[in-house]
Amino acid sequence: MTIFAFMDKHPLMSQGDVARHFGSKQDGALIFNQSTLSQKVKARSDLEKHAASYPNALSSKHPWVVTCPDVERALVLWVHHMEEKGEIVNGPMLWEKRAKFEDQFNVPETEQLAGDGWIAPFCKAHGYKERRRHGEAGSVDLEAVEAECKWVALTLTTYAP
């Protein structure tokens, strides 16, 4: 509903710009993409009716509950950081990192997420997919590859094309 109110105040703003605006805010974990926003805009009247009837359950399928937005935001930023480094993030890594963030943010035990049932909805909500490296690609030392490429390029400069 917050996003719909924002869109009403800024009617000339594109959906992509709205998604980027909320993704860059520091005060919450409203991170979504333009495609998700487009789907919600199409179902706006139904969502508004549902929100009026059931204020705590805005999703017509299954509510996506964020118990601690700071932990959620930190986890999203960590995943982005790992992807930028070329690292692969899997479910157990997400589970461990979330537990560490909950400890760092002093989240009470009653509000901490137990088990791993939150991982699939988290990945779906943020568009993450688990990727695996197979065979030699899974065991390659990327720093050694980069050093070897530099050495080969340097060696080739001593020869005529």
Protein backbone atom coordinates (compact mmCIF):
# COMPACT_ATOMS: atom_id res chain seq x y z
CA MET A 1 0.00 0.00 0.00
CA THR A 2 2.96 2.29 0.69
CA ILE A 3 4.22 1.75 -2.83
CA PHE A 4 0.79 2.43 -4.35
CA ALA A 5 0.57 5.69 -2.36
CA PHE A 6 4.03 6.66 -3.60
CA MET A 7 3.05 5.89 -7.20
CA ASP A 8 -0.10 8.02 -6.80
CA LYS A 9 2.05 10.96 -5.65
CA HIS A 10 4.52 10.45 -8.53
CA PRO A 11 2.36 9.46 -11.54
CA LEU A 12 5.05 10.23 -14.13
CA MET A 13 7.62 7.91 -12.54
CA SER A 14 8.20 4.63 -14.37
CA GLN A 15 7.78 1.30 -12.59
CA GLY A 16 11.50 0.61 -12.93
CA ASP A 17 12.29 3.95 -11.26
CA VAL A 18 9.82 3.16 -8.45
CA ALA A 19 11.52 -0.21 -7.86
CA ARG A 20 14.98 1.44 -7.81
CA HIS A 21 13.72 4.17 -5.44
CA PHE A 22 12.47 1.68 -2.85
CA GLY A 23 15.51 -0.57 -3.33
CA SER A 24 17.84 2.31 -2.46
CA LYS A 25 16.04 3.34 0.74
CA GLN A 26 17.95 2.66 3.94
CA ASP A 27 14.94 2.40 6.26
CA GLY A 28 13.49 -0.93 5.17
CA ALA A 29 13.66 -4.03 3.01
CA LEU A 30 11.27 -3.06 0.21
CA ILE A 31 13.35 -4.62 -2.52
CA PHE A 32 11.51 -5.80 -5.61
CA ASN A 33 11.85 -5.60 -9.37
CA GLN A 34 9.77 -3.94 -12.08
CA SER A 35 8.16 -7.23 -13.10
CA THR A 36 6.84 -7.85 -9.58
CA LEU A 37 5.57 -4.29 -9.36
CA SER A 38 3.77 -4.67 -12.69
CA GLN A 39 1.97 -7.79 -11.44
CA LYS A 40 0.92 -6.04 -8.25
CA VAL A 41 -0.31 -2.96 -10.14
CA LYS A 42 -2.52 -5.20 -12.28
CA ALA A 43 -3.99 -6.73 -9.13
CA ARG A 44 -4.16 -3.42 -7.24
CA SER A 45 -7.91 -3.32 -6.68
CA ASP A 46 -7.94 -6.89 -5.36
CA LEU A 47 -4.95 -6.16 -3.09
CA GLU A 48 -6.60 -3.02 -1.71
CA LYS A 49 -9.81 -4.93 -0.96
CA HIS A 50 -7.81 -7.72 0.66
CA ALA A 51 -5.75 -5.24 2.70
CA ALA A 52 -8.92 -3.56 3.94
CA SER A 53 -10.39 -6.91 5.01
CA TYR A 54 -7.17 -8.45 6.38
CA PRO A 55 -4.61 -5.76 7.22
CA ASN A 56 -1.98 -8.29 8.34
CA ALA A 57 -2.08 -10.47 5.23
CA LEU A 58 -1.52 -8.45 2.07
CA SER A 59 -0.69 -11.40 -0.17
CA SER A 60 -3.57 -13.35 -1.67
CA LYS A 61 -1.43 -16.49 -1.76
CA HIS A 62 0.96 -16.67 1.16
CA PRO A 63 2.11 -13.68 3.19
CA TRP A 64 5.79 -12.79 2.90
CA VAL A 65 6.57 -11.84 6.47
CA VAL A 66 9.73 -9.87 7.19
CA THR A 67 10.29 -10.24 10.92
CA CYS A 68 13.36 -7.99 10.98
CA PRO A 69 13.85 -5.63 8.01
CA ASP A 70 17.43 -4.80 9.07
CA VAL A 71 18.46 -8.45 8.95
CA GLU A 72 16.65 -8.91 5.64
CA ARG A 73 18.39 -5.89 4.11
CA ALA A 74 21.79 -6.99 5.43
CA LEU A 75 21.28 -10.46 3.97
CA VAL A 76 20.30 -9.02 0.58
CA LEU A 77 23.36 -6.76 0.56
CA TRP A 78 25.59 -9.68 1.55
CA VAL A 79 24.25 -11.83 -1.30
CA HIS A 80 24.85 -8.97 -3.77
CA HIS A 81 28.39 -8.61 -2.43
CA MET A 82 29.06 -12.34 -2.82
CA GLU A 83 27.68 -12.33 -6.37
CA GLU A 84 29.91 -9.38 -7.29
CA LYS A 85 32.91 -11.38 -6.05
CA GLY A 86 31.83 -14.29 -8.25
CA GLU A 87 31.04 -16.50 -5.27
CA ILE A 88 28.14 -18.91 -5.26
CA VAL A 89 25.69 -18.65 -2.35
CA ASN A 90 23.69 -21.71 -1.31
CA GLY A 91 20.97 -22.40 1.24
CA PRO A 92 23.21 -23.42 4.16
CA MET A 93 25.32 -20.29 3.67
CA LEU A 94 22.18 -18.12 3.74
CA TRP A 95 20.98 -19.86 6.90
CA GLU A 96 24.29 -19.35 8.71
CA LYS A 97 24.64 -15.73 7.59
CA ARG A 98 21.10 -14.90 8.67
CA ALA A 99 21.79 -16.38 12.12
CA LYS A 100 24.92 -14.22 12.41
CA PHE A 101 23.03 -11.10 11.31
CA GLU A 102 20.27 -11.82 13.83
CA ASP A 103 22.92 -12.03 16.56
CA GLN A 104 24.63 -8.84 15.38
CA PHE A 105 21.33 -6.93 15.28
CA ASN A 106 20.33 -8.29 18.73
CA VAL A 107 17.11 -9.85 17.44
CA PRO A 108 15.24 -11.50 20.34
CA GLU A 109 15.12 -15.30 20.16
CA THR A 110 11.33 -15.22 19.88
CA GLU A 111 11.64 -13.24 16.61
CA GLN A 112 14.52 -15.25 15.09
CA LEU A 113 13.66 -17.55 12.22
CA ALA A 114 14.09 -21.21 13.08
CA GLY A 115 14.78 -23.84 10.44
CA ASP A 116 15.31 -23.27 6.76
CA GLY A 117 11.73 -22.88 5.55
CA TRP A 118 12.31 -19.16 4.91
CA ILE A 119 15.12 -19.73 2.37
CA ALA A 120 12.99 -20.68 -0.66
CA PRO A 121 10.55 -17.75 -0.23
CA PHE A 122 13.49 -15.39 0.37
CA CYS A 123 15.22 -16.55 -2.82
CA LYS A 124 11.99 -16.33 -4.80
CA ALA A 125 11.17 -12.85 -3.49
CA HIS A 126 14.61 -11.55 -4.43
CA GLY A 127 15.10 -13.53 -7.63
CA TYR A 128 18.04 -15.65 -6.45
CA LYS A 129 18.72 -19.06 -7.90
CA GLU A 130 21.19 -21.57 -6.58
CA ARG A 131 23.95 -22.25 -9.06
CA ARG A 132 26.53 -24.98 -8.87
CA ARG A 133 29.89 -25.28 -10.54
CA HIS A 134 30.60 -28.73 -11.86
CA GLY A 135 33.81 -30.55 -12.66
CA GLU A 136 36.97 -28.48 -13.01
CA ALA A 137 35.02 -25.20 -12.93
CA GLY A 138 34.12 -25.93 -9.33
CA SER A 139 37.75 -26.30 -8.26
CA VAL A 140 39.52 -23.57 -10.25
CA ASP A 141 41.62 -21.01 -8.36
CA LEU A 142 40.50 -17.78 -10.06
CA GLU A 143 43.53 -15.81 -8.83
CA ALA A 144 45.87 -18.38 -10.38
CA VAL A 145 43.96 -18.18 -13.67
CA GLU A 146 44.24 -14.39 -13.72
CA ALA A 147 47.99 -14.52 -12.97
CA GLU A 148 48.50 -17.11 -15.71
CA CYS A 149 46.56 -15.00 -18.25
CA LYS A 150 48.79 -12.01 -17.47
CA TRP A 151 51.92 -14.14 -17.85
CA VAL A 152 50.74 -15.55 -21.20
CA ALA A 153 49.85 -12.06 -22.48
CA LEU A 154 53.28 -10.77 -21.45
CA THR A 155 55.03 -13.72 -23.08
CA LEU A 156 53.09 -13.27 -26.33
CA THR A 157 54.20 -9.63 -26.64
CA THR A 158 57.74 -10.87 -27.35
CA TYR A 159 56.58 -12.60 -30.53
CA ALA A 160 55.46 -11.14 -33.85
CA PRO A 161 51.71 -11.39 -34.52
